[in-house]
Amino acid sequence: MLSDKIKLTAKDILEKEFKTSFRGYSQEDVDKFLDYVIKDYEVFHQEIEELQQENLHLKRQADDVTKRPSQPAAGNTNFDILKRISNLEKHVFGSKLFD
């Protein structure tokens, strides 16, 4: 599962503390960047959740379709088609054809 492979959460990033040194990075710049990372992380997490739900829904639909027994179309056998054609011919051409 994907969630088992992800090492950080948005909360982990938010709560990360960095050691400071005399010549270190600007804490404000690091915080701003981490805020962007957190927002992206949350969007990615939400997108993954939605896609997993959609995937599950589609798998269920596919299972339902494959489990249904296939049924021949009702009334569409050759005999039924020929009978319909015969009835139409009688109606259109009248009894002239069958005298």
PDB file of N, CA and C in Angstrom:
ATOM      1  N   MET A   1       0.848  -1.179   0.000  1.00  0.00           N
ATOM      2  CA  MET A   1       0.000   0.000   0.000  1.00  0.00           C
ATOM      3  C   MET A   1       0.887   1.234   0.000  1.00  0.00           C
ATOM      4  N   LEU A   2       0.442   2.280  -0.687  1.00  0.00           N
ATOM      5  CA  LEU A   2       1.224   3.489  -0.851  1.00  0.00           C
ATOM      6  C   LEU A   2       1.497   4.177   0.484  1.00  0.00           C
ATOM      7  N   SER A   3       0.509   4.219   1.368  1.00  0.00           N
ATOM      8  CA  SER A   3       0.684   4.922   2.638  1.00  0.00           C
ATOM      9  C   SER A   3       1.800   4.299   3.484  1.00  0.00           C
ATOM     10  N   ASP A   4       2.097   3.017   3.259  1.00  0.00           N
ATOM     11  CA  ASP A   4       3.190   2.375   3.984  1.00  0.00           C
ATOM     12  C   ASP A   4       4.557   2.853   3.487  1.00  0.00           C
ATOM     13  N   LYS A   5       4.614   3.353   2.267  1.00  0.00           N
ATOM     14  CA  LYS A   5       5.874   3.793   1.671  1.00  0.00           C
ATOM     15  C   LYS A   5       6.186   5.255   1.959  1.00  0.00           C
ATOM     16  N   ILE A   6       5.175   6.033   2.325  1.00  0.00           N
ATOM     17  CA  ILE A   6       5.371   7.459   2.583  1.00  0.00           C
ATOM     18  C   ILE A   6       5.976   7.643   3.963  1.00  0.00           C
ATOM     19  N   LYS A   7       7.076   8.343   4.012  1.00  0.00           N
ATOM     20  CA  LYS A   7       7.803   8.522   5.274  1.00  0.00           C
ATOM     21  C   LYS A   7       7.343   9.760   6.056  1.00  0.00           C
ATOM     22  N   LEU A   8       6.896  10.787   5.373  1.00  0.00           N
ATOM     23  CA  LEU A   8       6.531  12.036   6.042  1.00  0.00           C
ATOM     24  C   LEU A   8       5.055  12.353   5.844  1.00  0.00           C
ATOM     25  N   THR A   9       4.497  12.989   6.845  1.00  0.00           N
ATOM     26  CA  THR A   9       3.151  13.538   6.725  1.00  0.00           C
ATOM     27  C   THR A   9       3.272  15.051   6.754  1.00  0.00           C
ATOM     28  N   ALA A  10       2.194  15.727   6.429  1.00  0.00           N
ATOM     29  CA  ALA A  10       2.205  17.188   6.494  1.00  0.00           C
ATOM     30  C   ALA A  10       2.512  17.642   7.922  1.00  0.00           C
ATOM     31  N   LYS A  11       2.016  16.911   8.888  1.00  0.00           N
ATOM     32  CA  LYS A  11       2.267  17.249  10.294  1.00  0.00           C
ATOM     33  C   LYS A  11       3.752  17.092  10.642  1.00  0.00           C
ATOM     34  N   ASP A  12       4.391  16.023  10.122  1.00  0.00           N
ATOM     35  CA  ASP A  12       5.825  15.821  10.365  1.00  0.00           C
ATOM     36  C   ASP A  12       6.640  17.002   9.836  1.00  0.00           C
ATOM     37  N   ILE A  13       6.272  17.467   8.644  1.00  0.00           N
ATOM     38  CA  ILE A  13       6.990  18.590   8.047  1.00  0.00           C
ATOM     39  C   ILE A  13       6.762  19.856   8.859  1.00  0.00           C
ATOM     40  N   LEU A  14       5.527  20.068   9.260  1.00  0.00           N
ATOM     41  CA  LEU A  14       5.190  21.266  10.031  1.00  0.00           C
ATOM     42  C   LEU A  14       5.938  21.314  11.355  1.00  0.00           C
ATOM     43  N   GLU A  15       6.068  20.176  12.006  1.00  0.00           N
ATOM     44  CA  GLU A  15       6.664  20.136  13.336  1.00  0.00           C
ATOM     45  C   GLU A  15       8.186  19.937  13.333  1.00  0.00           C
ATOM     46  N   LYS A  16       8.792  19.808  12.158  1.00  0.00           N
ATOM     47  CA  LYS A  16      10.231  19.592  12.071  1.00  0.00           C
ATOM     48  C   LYS A  16      10.985  20.807  12.604  1.00  0.00           C
ATOM     49  N   GLU A  17      11.904  20.561  13.497  1.00  0.00           N
ATOM     50  CA  GLU A  17      12.755  21.614  14.059  1.00  0.00           C
ATOM     51  C   GLU A  17      14.167  21.449  13.505  1.00  0.00           C
ATOM     52  N   PHE A  18      14.751  22.536  13.057  1.00  0.00           N
ATOM     53  CA  PHE A  18      16.110  22.514  12.540  1.00  0.00           C
ATOM     54  C   PHE A  18      17.028  23.217  13.529  1.00  0.00           C
ATOM     55  N   LYS A  19      18.213  22.695  13.636  1.00  0.00           N
ATOM     56  CA  LYS A  19      19.212  23.345  14.481  1.00  0.00           C
ATOM     57  C   LYS A  19      19.688  24.612  13.785  1.00  0.00           C
ATOM     58  N   THR A  20      19.982  25.612  14.579  1.00  0.00           N
ATOM     59  CA  THR A  20      20.471  26.856  13.993  1.00  0.00           C
ATOM     60  C   THR A  20      21.967  26.964  14.254  1.00  0.00           C
ATOM     61  N   SER A  21      22.623  27.634  13.339  1.00  0.00           N
ATOM     62  CA  SER A  21      24.049  27.899  13.513  1.00  0.00           C
ATOM     63  C   SER A  21      24.317  29.328  13.064  1.00  0.00           C
ATOM     64  N   PHE A  22      25.503  29.767  13.310  1.00  0.00           N
ATOM     65  CA  PHE A  22      25.850  31.150  13.011  1.00  0.00           C
ATOM     66  C   PHE A  22      25.681  31.462  11.521  1.00  0.00           C
ATOM     67  N   ARG A  23      26.058  30.563  10.661  1.00  0.00           N
ATOM     68  CA  ARG A  23      25.996  30.810   9.222  1.00  0.00           C
ATOM     69  C   ARG A  23      24.906  29.946   8.568  1.00  0.00           C
ATOM     70  N   GLY A  24      23.853  29.633   9.289  1.00  0.00           N
ATOM     71  CA  GLY A  24      22.797  28.773   8.781  1.00  0.00           C
ATOM     72  C   GLY A  24      21.854  29.492   7.827  1.00  0.00           C
ATOM     73  N   TYR A  25      20.857  28.778   7.383  1.00  0.00           N
ATOM     74  CA  TYR A  25      19.859  29.327   6.470  1.00  0.00           C
ATOM     75  C   TYR A  25      18.919  30.252   7.221  1.00  0.00           C
ATOM     76  N   SER A  26      18.276  31.129   6.486  1.00  0.00           N
ATOM     77  CA  SER A  26      17.294  32.027   7.077  1.00  0.00           C
ATOM     78  C   SER A  26      16.103  31.188   7.531  1.00  0.00           C
ATOM     79  N   GLN A  27      15.801  31.264   8.808  1.00  0.00           N
ATOM     80  CA  GLN A  27      14.702  30.482   9.352  1.00  0.00           C
ATOM     81  C   GLN A  27      13.385  30.866   8.682  1.00  0.00           C
ATOM     82  N   GLU A  28      13.211  32.118   8.369  1.00  0.00           N
ATOM     83  CA  GLU A  28      11.985  32.574   7.719  1.00  0.00           C
ATOM     84  C   GLU A  28      11.853  31.963   6.321  1.00  0.00           C
ATOM     85  N   ASP A  29      12.935  31.911   5.553  1.00  0.00           N
ATOM     86  CA  ASP A  29      12.897  31.310   4.215  1.00  0.00           C
ATOM     87  C   ASP A  29      12.588  29.815   4.283  1.00  0.00           C
ATOM     88  N   VAL A  30      13.210  29.142   5.248  1.00  0.00           N
ATOM     89  CA  VAL A  30      12.971  27.705   5.408  1.00  0.00           C
ATOM     90  C   VAL A  30      11.510  27.470   5.780  1.00  0.00           C
ATOM     91  N   ASP A  31      10.974  28.259   6.703  1.00  0.00           N
ATOM     92  CA  ASP A  31       9.582  28.116   7.121  1.00  0.00           C
ATOM     93  C   ASP A  31       8.612  28.354   5.957  1.00  0.00           C
ATOM     94  N   LYS A  32       8.872  29.381   5.148  1.00  0.00           N
ATOM     95  CA  LYS A  32       8.015  29.660   3.998  1.00  0.00           C
ATOM     96  C   LYS A  32       8.035  28.486   3.013  1.00  0.00           C
ATOM     97  N   PHE A  33       9.239  27.983   2.752  1.00  0.00           N
ATOM     98  CA  PHE A  33       9.354  26.869   1.819  1.00  0.00           C
ATOM     99  C   PHE A  33       8.634  25.636   2.362  1.00  0.00           C
ATOM    100  N   LEU A  34       8.821  25.347   3.628  1.00  0.00           N
ATOM    101  CA  LEU A  34       8.156  24.190   4.224  1.00  0.00           C
ATOM    102  C   LEU A  34       6.635  24.354   4.204  1.00  0.00           C
ATOM    103  N   ASP A  35       6.143  25.592   4.322  1.00  0.00           N
ATOM    104  CA  ASP A  35       4.702  25.830   4.211  1.00  0.00           C
ATOM    105  C   ASP A  35       4.196  25.424   2.826  1.00  0.00           C
ATOM    106  N   TYR A  36       4.963  25.754   1.779  1.00  0.00           N
ATOM    107  CA  TYR A  36       4.592  25.332   0.424  1.00  0.00           C
ATOM    108  C   TYR A  36       4.612  23.811   0.298  1.00  0.00           C
ATOM    109  N   VAL A  37       5.634  23.193   0.862  1.00  0.00           N
ATOM    110  CA  VAL A  37       5.752  21.740   0.802  1.00  0.00           C
ATOM    111  C   VAL A  37       4.562  21.093   1.506  1.00  0.00           C
ATOM    112  N   ILE A  38       4.193  21.629   2.656  1.00  0.00           N
ATOM    113  CA  ILE A  38       3.063  21.090   3.427  1.00  0.00           C
ATOM    114  C   ILE A  38       1.773  21.178   2.608  1.00  0.00           C
ATOM    115  N   LYS A  39       1.547  22.324   1.981  1.00  0.00           N
ATOM    116  CA  LYS A  39       0.333  22.493   1.179  1.00  0.00           C
ATOM    117  C   LYS A  39       0.301  21.487   0.033  1.00  0.00           C
ATOM    118  N   ASP A  40       1.428  21.316  -0.650  1.00  0.00           N
ATOM    119  CA  ASP A  40       1.490  20.334  -1.734  1.00  0.00           C
ATOM    120  C   ASP A  40       1.256  18.932  -1.202  1.00  0.00           C
ATOM    121  N   TYR A  41       1.851  18.629  -0.089  1.00  0.00           N
ATOM    122  CA  TYR A  41       1.701  17.306   0.515  1.00  0.00           C
ATOM    123  C   TYR A  41       0.239  17.013   0.811  1.00  0.00           C
ATOM    124  N   GLU A  42      -0.470  17.996   1.353  1.00  0.00           N
ATOM    125  CA  GLU A  42      -1.879  17.820   1.660  1.00  0.00           C
ATOM    126  C   GLU A  42      -2.697  17.618   0.381  1.00  0.00           C
ATOM    127  N   VAL A  43      -2.378  18.363  -0.669  1.00  0.00           N
ATOM    128  CA  VAL A  43      -3.075  18.210  -1.948  1.00  0.00           C
ATOM    129  C   VAL A  43      -2.805  16.820  -2.518  1.00  0.00           C
ATOM    130  N   PHE A  44      -1.541  16.390  -2.491  1.00  0.00           N
ATOM    131  CA  PHE A  44      -1.195  15.062  -2.993  1.00  0.00           C
ATOM    132  C   PHE A  44      -1.921  13.973  -2.207  1.00  0.00           C
ATOM    133  N   HIS A  45      -1.948  14.121  -0.910  1.00  0.00           N
ATOM    134  CA  HIS A  45      -2.620  13.128  -0.064  1.00  0.00           C
ATOM    135  C   HIS A  45      -4.114  13.056  -0.397  1.00  0.00           C
ATOM    136  N   GLN A  46      -4.755  14.209  -0.555  1.00  0.00           N
ATOM    137  CA  GLN A  46      -6.178  14.243  -0.892  1.00  0.00           C
ATOM    138  C   GLN A  46      -6.417  13.620  -2.268  1.00  0.00           C
ATOM    139  N   GLU A  47      -5.562  13.939  -3.222  1.00  0.00           N
ATOM    140  CA  GLU A  47      -5.705  13.388  -4.573  1.00  0.00           C
ATOM    141  C   GLU A  47      -5.543  11.870  -4.562  1.00  0.00           C
ATOM    142  N   ILE A  48      -4.592  11.379  -3.803  1.00  0.00           N
ATOM    143  CA  ILE A  48      -4.379   9.932  -3.691  1.00  0.00           C
ATOM    144  C   ILE A  48      -5.609   9.265  -3.092  1.00  0.00           C
ATOM    145  N   GLU A  49      -6.165   9.850  -2.053  1.00  0.00           N
ATOM    146  CA  GLU A  49      -7.371   9.292  -1.427  1.00  0.00           C
ATOM    147  C   GLU A  49      -8.522   9.223  -2.430  1.00  0.00           C
ATOM    148  N   GLU A  50      -8.722  10.313  -3.169  1.00  0.00           N
ATOM    149  CA  GLU A  50      -9.815  10.351  -4.143  1.00  0.00           C
ATOM    150  C   GLU A  50      -9.603   9.309  -5.236  1.00  0.00           C
ATOM    151  N   LEU A  51      -8.372   9.187  -5.727  1.00  0.00           N
ATOM    152  CA  LEU A  51      -8.086   8.213  -6.778  1.00  0.00           C
ATOM    153  C   LEU A  51      -8.234   6.779  -6.277  1.00  0.00           C
ATOM    154  N   GLN A  52      -7.858   6.535  -5.036  1.00  0.00           N
ATOM    155  CA  GLN A  52      -8.038   5.198  -4.473  1.00  0.00           C
ATOM    156  C   GLN A  52      -9.515   4.849  -4.362  1.00  0.00           C
ATOM    157  N   GLN A  53     -10.334   5.814  -3.955  1.00  0.00           N
ATOM    158  CA  GLN A  53     -11.775   5.580  -3.853  1.00  0.00           C
ATOM    159  C   GLN A  53     -12.385   5.342  -5.239  1.00  0.00           C
ATOM    160  N   GLU A  54     -11.966   6.145  -6.206  1.00  0.00           N
ATOM    161  CA  GLU A  54     -12.464   5.967  -7.573  1.00  0.00           C
ATOM    162  C   GLU A  54     -12.038   4.605  -8.124  1.00  0.00           C
ATOM    163  N   ASN A  55     -10.804   4.221  -7.865  1.00  0.00           N
ATOM    164  CA  ASN A  55     -10.292   2.929  -8.315  1.00  0.00           C
ATOM    165  C   ASN A  55     -11.104   1.793  -7.712  1.00  0.00           C
ATOM    166  N   LEU A  56     -11.387   1.874  -6.433  1.00  0.00           N
ATOM    167  CA  LEU A  56     -12.190   0.859  -5.763  1.00  0.00           C
ATOM    168  C   LEU A  56     -13.592   0.787  -6.367  1.00  0.00           C
ATOM    169  N   HIS A  57     -14.180   1.945  -6.607  1.00  0.00           N
ATOM    170  CA  HIS A  57     -15.521   2.005  -7.202  1.00  0.00           C
ATOM    171  C   HIS A  57     -15.517   1.359  -8.595  1.00  0.00           C
ATOM    172  N   LEU A  58     -14.519   1.670  -9.409  1.00  0.00           N
ATOM    173  CA  LEU A  58     -14.447   1.113 -10.759  1.00  0.00           C
ATOM    174  C   LEU A  58     -14.194  -0.390 -10.736  1.00  0.00           C
ATOM    175  N   LYS A  59     -13.389  -0.854  -9.789  1.00  0.00           N
ATOM    176  CA  LYS A  59     -13.160  -2.297  -9.668  1.00  0.00           C
ATOM    177  C   LYS A  59     -14.456  -3.017  -9.308  1.00  0.00           C
ATOM    178  N   ARG A  60     -15.239  -2.420  -8.415  1.00  0.00           N
ATOM    179  CA  ARG A  60     -16.522  -3.019  -8.040  1.00  0.00           C
ATOM    180  C   ARG A  60     -17.473  -3.057  -9.234  1.00  0.00           C
ATOM    181  N   GLN A  61     -17.489  -1.974 -10.008  1.00  0.00           N
ATOM    182  CA  GLN A  61     -18.334  -1.941 -11.202  1.00  0.00           C
ATOM    183  C   GLN A  61     -17.904  -3.029 -12.187  1.00  0.00           C
ATOM    184  N   ALA A  62     -16.609  -3.167 -12.383  1.00  0.00           N
ATOM    185  CA  ALA A  62     -16.105  -4.177 -13.311  1.00  0.00           C
ATOM    186  C   ALA A  62     -16.461  -5.575 -12.818  1.00  0.00           C
ATOM    187  N   ASP A  63     -16.342  -5.799 -11.526  1.00  0.00           N
ATOM    188  CA  ASP A  63     -16.715  -7.099 -10.963  1.00  0.00           C
ATOM    189  C   ASP A  63     -18.202  -7.382 -11.177  1.00  0.00           C
ATOM    190  N   ASP A  64     -19.039  -6.367 -10.974  1.00  0.00           N
ATOM    191  CA  ASP A  64     -20.479  -6.542 -11.167  1.00  0.00           C
ATOM    192  C   ASP A  64     -20.797  -6.905 -12.611  1.00  0.00           C
ATOM    193  N   VAL A  65     -20.134  -6.261 -13.541  1.00  0.00           N
ATOM    194  CA  VAL A  65     -20.387  -6.519 -14.958  1.00  0.00           C
ATOM    195  C   VAL A  65     -19.954  -7.928 -15.330  1.00  0.00           C
ATOM    196  N   THR A  66     -18.804  -8.355 -14.836  1.00  0.00           N
ATOM    197  CA  THR A  66     -18.311  -9.685 -15.202  1.00  0.00           C
ATOM    198  C   THR A  66     -19.094 -10.799 -14.507  1.00  0.00           C
ATOM    199  N   LYS A  67     -19.730 -10.506 -13.396  1.00  0.00           N
ATOM    200  CA  LYS A  67     -20.503 -11.530 -12.680  1.00  0.00           C
ATOM    201  C   LYS A  67     -21.900 -11.730 -13.254  1.00  0.00           C
ATOM    202  N   ARG A  68     -22.390 -10.757 -14.004  1.00  0.00           N
ATOM    203  CA  ARG A  68     -23.729 -10.879 -14.588  1.00  0.00           C
ATOM    204  C   ARG A  68     -23.716 -11.935 -15.685  1.00  0.00           C
ATOM    205  N   PRO A  69     -24.707 -12.806 -15.677  1.00  0.00           N
ATOM    206  CA  PRO A  69     -24.765 -13.783 -16.779  1.00  0.00           C
ATOM    207  C   PRO A  69     -25.159 -13.075 -18.066  1.00  0.00           C
ATOM    208  N   SER A  70     -24.525 -13.461 -19.158  1.00  0.00           N
ATOM    209  CA  SER A  70     -24.876 -12.838 -20.426  1.00  0.00           C
ATOM    210  C   SER A  70     -26.198 -13.418 -20.908  1.00  0.00           C
ATOM    211  N   GLN A  71     -27.065 -12.533 -21.352  1.00  0.00           N
ATOM    212  CA  GLN A  71     -28.387 -12.945 -21.804  1.00  0.00           C
ATOM    213  C   GLN A  71     -28.542 -12.564 -23.268  1.00  0.00           C
ATOM    214  N   PRO A  72     -29.083 -13.464 -24.071  1.00  0.00           N
ATOM    215  CA  PRO A  72     -29.325 -13.086 -25.471  1.00  0.00           C
ATOM    216  C   PRO A  72     -30.392 -12.008 -25.531  1.00  0.00           C
ATOM    217  N   ALA A  73     -30.291 -11.174 -26.513  1.00  0.00           N
ATOM    218  CA  ALA A  73     -31.269 -10.096 -26.657  1.00  0.00           C
ATOM    219  C   ALA A  73     -32.643 -10.707 -26.901  1.00  0.00           C
ATOM    220  N   ALA A  74     -33.599 -10.287 -26.117  1.00  0.00           N
ATOM    221  CA  ALA A  74     -34.945 -10.859 -26.190  1.00  0.00           C
ATOM    222  C   ALA A  74     -35.593 -10.521 -27.524  1.00  0.00           C
ATOM    223  N   GLY A  75     -36.148 -11.549 -28.193  1.00  0.00           N
ATOM    224  CA  GLY A  75     -36.896 -11.323 -29.421  1.00  0.00           C
ATOM    225  C   GLY A  75     -36.051 -11.065 -30.651  1.00  0.00           C
ATOM    226  N   ASN A  76     -34.757 -11.230 -30.575  1.00  0.00           N
ATOM    227  CA  ASN A  76     -33.911 -10.934 -31.717  1.00  0.00           C
ATOM    228  C   ASN A  76     -33.352 -12.188 -32.375  1.00  0.00           C
ATOM    229  N   THR A  77     -34.046 -13.271 -32.283  1.00  0.00           N
ATOM    230  CA  THR A  77     -33.601 -14.476 -32.971  1.00  0.00           C
ATOM    231  C   THR A  77     -33.952 -14.347 -34.449  1.00  0.00           C
ATOM    232  N   ASN A  78     -33.348 -15.163 -35.276  1.00  0.00           N
ATOM    233  CA  ASN A  78     -33.618 -15.102 -36.717  1.00  0.00           C
ATOM    234  C   ASN A  78     -35.091 -15.335 -37.015  1.00  0.00           C
ATOM    235  N   PHE A  79     -35.692 -16.293 -36.341  1.00  0.00           N
ATOM    236  CA  PHE A  79     -37.104 -16.582 -36.565  1.00  0.00           C
ATOM    237  C   PHE A  79     -37.963 -15.355 -36.275  1.00  0.00           C
ATOM    238  N   ASP A  80     -37.681 -14.687 -35.152  1.00  0.00           N
ATOM    239  CA  ASP A  80     -38.463 -13.500 -34.794  1.00  0.00           C
ATOM    240  C   ASP A  80     -38.285 -12.391 -35.824  1.00  0.00           C
ATOM    241  N   ILE A  81     -37.072 -12.235 -36.320  1.00  0.00           N
ATOM    242  CA  ILE A  81     -36.814 -11.193 -37.314  1.00  0.00           C
ATOM    243  C   ILE A  81     -37.568 -11.505 -38.609  1.00  0.00           C
ATOM    244  N   LEU A  82     -37.506 -12.760 -39.053  1.00  0.00           N
ATOM    245  CA  LEU A  82     -38.218 -13.150 -40.270  1.00  0.00           C
ATOM    246  C   LEU A  82     -39.724 -12.972 -40.117  1.00  0.00           C
ATOM    247  N   LYS A  83     -40.242 -13.291 -38.961  1.00  0.00           N
ATOM    248  CA  LYS A  83     -41.673 -13.135 -38.700  1.00  0.00           C
ATOM    249  C   LYS A  83     -42.062 -11.655 -38.758  1.00  0.00           C
ATOM    250  N   ARG A  84     -41.254 -10.796 -38.206  1.00  0.00           N
ATOM    251  CA  ARG A  84     -41.529  -9.355 -38.245  1.00  0.00           C
ATOM    252  C   ARG A  84     -41.504  -8.843 -39.682  1.00  0.00           C
ATOM    253  N   ILE A  85     -40.500  -9.280 -40.447  1.00  0.00           N
ATOM    254  CA  ILE A  85     -40.420  -8.852 -41.843  1.00  0.00           C
ATOM    255  C   ILE A  85     -41.660  -9.291 -42.597  1.00  0.00           C
ATOM    256  N   SER A  86     -42.080 -10.529 -42.373  1.00  0.00           N
ATOM    257  CA  SER A  86     -43.277 -11.045 -43.041  1.00  0.00           C
ATOM    258  C   SER A  86     -44.495 -10.205 -42.682  1.00  0.00           C
ATOM    259  N   ASN A  87     -44.655  -9.888 -41.431  1.00  0.00           N
ATOM    260  CA  ASN A  87     -45.789  -9.061 -41.000  1.00  0.00           C
ATOM    261  C   ASN A  87     -45.737  -7.669 -41.621  1.00  0.00           C
ATOM    262  N   LEU A  88     -44.539  -7.088 -41.727  1.00  0.00           N
ATOM    263  CA  LEU A  88     -44.404  -5.768 -42.346  1.00  0.00           C
ATOM    264  C   LEU A  88     -44.761  -5.828 -43.832  1.00  0.00           C
ATOM    265  N   GLU A  89     -44.296  -6.879 -44.490  1.00  0.00           N
ATOM    266  CA  GLU A  89     -44.618  -7.021 -45.912  1.00  0.00           C
ATOM    267  C   GLU A  89     -46.125  -7.141 -46.112  1.00  0.00           C
ATOM    268  N   LYS A  90     -46.788  -7.907 -45.257  1.00  0.00           N
ATOM    269  CA  LYS A  90     -48.242  -8.044 -45.352  1.00  0.00           C
ATOM    270  C   LYS A  90     -48.910  -6.689 -45.167  1.00  0.00           C
ATOM    271  N   HIS A  91     -48.411  -5.948 -44.231  1.00  0.00           N
ATOM    272  CA  HIS A  91     -49.016  -4.645 -43.934  1.00  0.00           C
ATOM    273  C   HIS A  91     -48.770  -3.655 -45.073  1.00  0.00           C
ATOM    274  N   VAL A  92     -47.550  -3.617 -45.599  1.00  0.00           N
ATOM    275  CA  VAL A  92     -47.200  -2.627 -46.615  1.00  0.00           C
ATOM    276  C   VAL A  92     -47.788  -3.002 -47.972  1.00  0.00           C
ATOM    277  N   PHE A  93     -47.641  -4.246 -48.370  1.00  0.00           N
ATOM    278  CA  PHE A  93     -48.061  -4.649 -49.713  1.00  0.00           C
ATOM    279  C   PHE A  93     -49.443  -5.288 -49.735  1.00  0.00           C
ATOM    280  N   GLY A  94     -49.985  -5.493 -48.579  1.00  0.00           N
ATOM    281  CA  GLY A  94     -51.326  -6.084 -48.514  1.00  0.00           C
ATOM    282  C   GLY A  94     -51.323  -7.548 -48.910  1.00  0.00           C
ATOM    283  N   SER A  95     -52.454  -8.003 -49.303  1.00  0.00           N
ATOM    284  CA  SER A  95     -52.605  -9.424 -49.610  1.00  0.00           C
ATOM    285  C   SER A  95     -52.117  -9.764 -51.003  1.00  0.00           C
ATOM    286  N   LYS A  96     -51.612  -8.795 -51.773  1.00  0.00           N
ATOM    287  CA  LYS A  96     -51.150  -9.035 -53.127  1.00  0.00           C
ATOM    288  C   LYS A  96     -50.035 -10.073 -53.164  1.00  0.00           C
ATOM    289  N   LEU A  97     -49.152 -10.009 -52.179  1.00  0.00           N
ATOM    290  CA  LEU A  97     -48.020 -10.926 -52.147  1.00  0.00           C
ATOM    291  C   LEU A  97     -48.428 -12.332 -51.754  1.00  0.00           C
ATOM    292  N   PHE A  98     -49.510 -12.458 -51.037  1.00  0.00           N
ATOM    293  CA  PHE A  98     -49.836 -13.747 -50.458  1.00  0.00           C
ATOM    294  C   PHE A  98     -51.066 -14.394 -51.090  1.00  0.00           C
ATOM    295  N   ASP A  99     -51.499 -13.912 -52.233  1.00  0.00           N
ATOM    296  CA  ASP A  99     -52.646 -14.503 -52.944  1.00  0.00           C
ATOM    297  C   ASP A  99     -52.235 -15.657 -53.791  1.00  0.00           C
TER     298      ASP A  99
END
